[in-house]
Each structure stands twice: as structure tokens, then as C-alpha cells.
Amino acid sequence: MIELTEQQLQELKNSDPTPPRMVNPRTKETFVLLRVDEYERLKEDYDDSPWTRQELEALAWEAGNDATWEDVYDDVTEKP
């Protein structure tokens, strides 16, 4: 566990309702700081199980409905 510095504690105190973001200066990765109760609540609602065949088919159907002739024939010089 990492303890926050005084400067970080002040930032938390003064931050707006959105969670504070932190940047790793070495990797430039950005992290979001959440209270444990917020994290646990979000984790409960998250489902990272593999998609079912039915979910994949529904996504494919949506993608097909959203496609336009320009999407389908991007590489064709002459359109029907």
C-alpha cells in the first residue's frame, strides 16, 4: 500500500467530484484514484466474462445496420 503525501492529500481535498487522475512520470500512464467503496461498487457491476454467441450476433447485427454504402465500398472506385 502507498501512503499519500501531504500535497496529494490537499489535492484530494480540493478536487472536484470527479476522481483525481495521476500520471506516472516514467511511463506517462494515467491512473484514477477511487475510494475503496466506489471501486467495490463498480467492480460488482462489471462483467468481464466472455461474450455469448447471442451477444456477438447482436453486435454484428447492429454493426450491419449502421453500415452505409461508403463503409461497404470504401475500396471500390465505382459504386453500384
C-alpha atoms as a PDB file:
ATOM      1  CA  MET A   1       0.000   0.000   0.000  1.00  0.00           C
ATOM      2  CA  ILE A   2       1.207   3.507  -0.825  1.00  0.00           C
ATOM      3  CA  GLU A   3       0.586   6.390   1.552  1.00  0.00           C
ATOM      4  CA  LEU A   4      -0.269   9.755   0.067  1.00  0.00           C
ATOM      5  CA  THR A   5       1.923  12.779   0.617  1.00  0.00           C
ATOM      6  CA  GLU A   6       0.593  15.962   2.208  1.00  0.00           C
ATOM      7  CA  GLN A   7       0.452  17.615  -1.213  1.00  0.00           C
ATOM      8  CA  GLN A   8      -1.593  14.715  -2.598  1.00  0.00           C
ATOM      9  CA  LEU A   9      -3.959  14.851   0.371  1.00  0.00           C
ATOM     10  CA  GLN A  10      -4.532  18.561  -0.278  1.00  0.00           C
ATOM     11  CA  GLU A  11      -5.275  17.826  -3.930  1.00  0.00           C
ATOM     12  CA  LEU A  12      -7.837  15.228  -2.880  1.00  0.00           C
ATOM     13  CA  LYS A  13      -9.444  17.689  -0.515  1.00  0.00           C
ATOM     14  CA  ASN A  14      -9.657  20.395  -3.201  1.00  0.00           C
ATOM     15  CA  SER A  15     -10.637  18.205  -6.149  1.00  0.00           C
ATOM     16  CA  ASP A  16     -13.997  18.379  -7.878  1.00  0.00           C
ATOM     17  CA  PRO A  17     -16.479  15.458  -7.732  1.00  0.00           C
ATOM     18  CA  THR A  18     -14.664  13.530 -10.466  1.00  0.00           C
ATOM     19  CA  PRO A  19     -11.940  11.177  -9.240  1.00  0.00           C
ATOM     20  CA  PRO A  20      -8.433  12.640  -9.311  1.00  0.00           C
ATOM     21  CA  ARG A  21      -6.064  11.456 -12.027  1.00  0.00           C
ATOM     22  CA  MET A  22      -2.399  10.727 -11.532  1.00  0.00           C
ATOM     23  CA  VAL A  23       0.358  10.300 -14.095  1.00  0.00           C
ATOM     24  CA  ASN A  24       3.333   8.004 -13.781  1.00  0.00           C
ATOM     25  CA  PRO A  25       6.167  10.322 -14.860  1.00  0.00           C
ATOM     26  CA  ARG A  26       8.225   7.418 -16.201  1.00  0.00           C
ATOM     27  CA  THR A  27       5.616   5.683 -18.340  1.00  0.00           C
ATOM     28  CA  LYS A  28       3.139   8.552 -18.826  1.00  0.00           C
ATOM     29  CA  GLU A  29       0.341   6.141 -17.844  1.00  0.00           C
ATOM     30  CA  THR A  30      -2.669   7.832 -16.273  1.00  0.00           C
ATOM     31  CA  PHE A  31      -4.434   6.381 -13.245  1.00  0.00           C
ATOM     32  CA  VAL A  32      -7.674   7.281 -11.481  1.00  0.00           C
ATOM     33  CA  LEU A  33      -7.816   7.308  -7.701  1.00  0.00           C
ATOM     34  CA  LEU A  34     -11.037   5.863  -6.291  1.00  0.00           C
ATOM     35  CA  ARG A  35     -12.160   5.283  -2.743  1.00  0.00           C
ATOM     36  CA  VAL A  36     -12.443   1.576  -1.933  1.00  0.00           C
ATOM     37  CA  ASP A  37     -16.236   1.715  -1.633  1.00  0.00           C
ATOM     38  CA  GLU A  38     -16.526   3.280  -5.110  1.00  0.00           C
ATOM     39  CA  TYR A  39     -14.174   0.692  -6.578  1.00  0.00           C
ATOM     40  CA  GLU A  40     -16.099  -2.196  -4.970  1.00  0.00           C
ATOM     41  CA  ARG A  41     -19.405  -0.824  -6.268  1.00  0.00           C
ATOM     42  CA  LEU A  42     -18.038  -0.534  -9.801  1.00  0.00           C
ATOM     43  CA  LYS A  43     -16.480  -3.983  -9.607  1.00  0.00           C
ATOM     44  CA  GLU A  44     -19.831  -5.535  -8.631  1.00  0.00           C
ATOM     45  CA  ASP A  45     -21.499  -4.211 -11.789  1.00  0.00           C
ATOM     46  CA  TYR A  46     -18.654  -5.190 -14.129  1.00  0.00           C
ATOM     47  CA  ASP A  47     -18.932  -8.424 -16.087  1.00  0.00           C
ATOM     48  CA  ASP A  48     -15.716  -9.478 -17.797  1.00  0.00           C
ATOM     49  CA  SER A  49     -16.920 -12.928 -18.806  1.00  0.00           C
ATOM     50  CA  PRO A  50     -16.554 -13.920 -22.467  1.00  0.00           C
ATOM     51  CA  TRP A  51     -19.355 -12.780 -24.748  1.00  0.00           C
ATOM     52  CA  THR A  52     -22.030 -15.310 -25.606  1.00  0.00           C
ATOM     53  CA  ARG A  53     -22.818 -16.239 -29.203  1.00  0.00           C
ATOM     54  CA  GLN A  54     -26.105 -14.323 -28.853  1.00  0.00           C
ATOM     55  CA  GLU A  55     -24.287 -11.141 -27.732  1.00  0.00           C
ATOM     56  CA  LEU A  56     -21.808 -11.411 -30.611  1.00  0.00           C
ATOM     57  CA  GLU A  57     -24.625 -11.857 -33.127  1.00  0.00           C
ATOM     58  CA  ALA A  58     -26.462  -8.827 -31.708  1.00  0.00           C
ATOM     59  CA  LEU A  59     -23.322  -6.705 -32.076  1.00  0.00           C
ATOM     60  CA  ALA A  60     -22.793  -7.925 -35.641  1.00  0.00           C
ATOM     61  CA  TRP A  61     -26.420  -7.091 -36.454  1.00  0.00           C
ATOM     62  CA  GLU A  62     -26.025  -3.579 -35.031  1.00  0.00           C
ATOM     63  CA  ALA A  63     -22.807  -3.013 -36.969  1.00  0.00           C
ATOM     64  CA  GLY A  64     -24.520  -4.157 -40.173  1.00  0.00           C
ATOM     65  CA  ASN A  65     -27.464  -1.843 -39.593  1.00  0.00           C
ATOM     66  CA  ASP A  66     -25.160   1.115 -39.024  1.00  0.00           C
ATOM     67  CA  ALA A  67     -23.062   0.445 -42.132  1.00  0.00           C
ATOM     68  CA  THR A  68     -23.516   2.714 -45.152  1.00  0.00           C
ATOM     69  CA  TRP A  69     -22.589   2.138 -48.783  1.00  0.00           C
ATOM     70  CA  GLU A  70     -19.488   4.221 -48.163  1.00  0.00           C
ATOM     71  CA  ASP A  71     -18.427   1.808 -45.392  1.00  0.00           C
ATOM     72  CA  VAL A  72     -19.064  -1.257 -47.531  1.00  0.00           C
ATOM     73  CA  TYR A  73     -17.488   0.057 -50.718  1.00  0.00           C
ATOM     74  CA  ASP A  74     -14.603   2.141 -49.395  1.00  0.00           C
ATOM     75  CA  ASP A  75     -12.074   0.447 -51.664  1.00  0.00           C
ATOM     76  CA  VAL A  76     -14.261   0.220 -54.755  1.00  0.00           C
ATOM     77  CA  THR A  77     -13.852   3.016 -57.292  1.00  0.00           C
ATOM     78  CA  GLU A  78     -17.269   2.546 -58.904  1.00  0.00           C
ATOM     79  CA  LYS A  79     -20.330   2.337 -56.668  1.00  0.00           C
ATOM     80  CA  PRO A  80     -23.491   0.443 -57.672  1.00  0.00           C
END
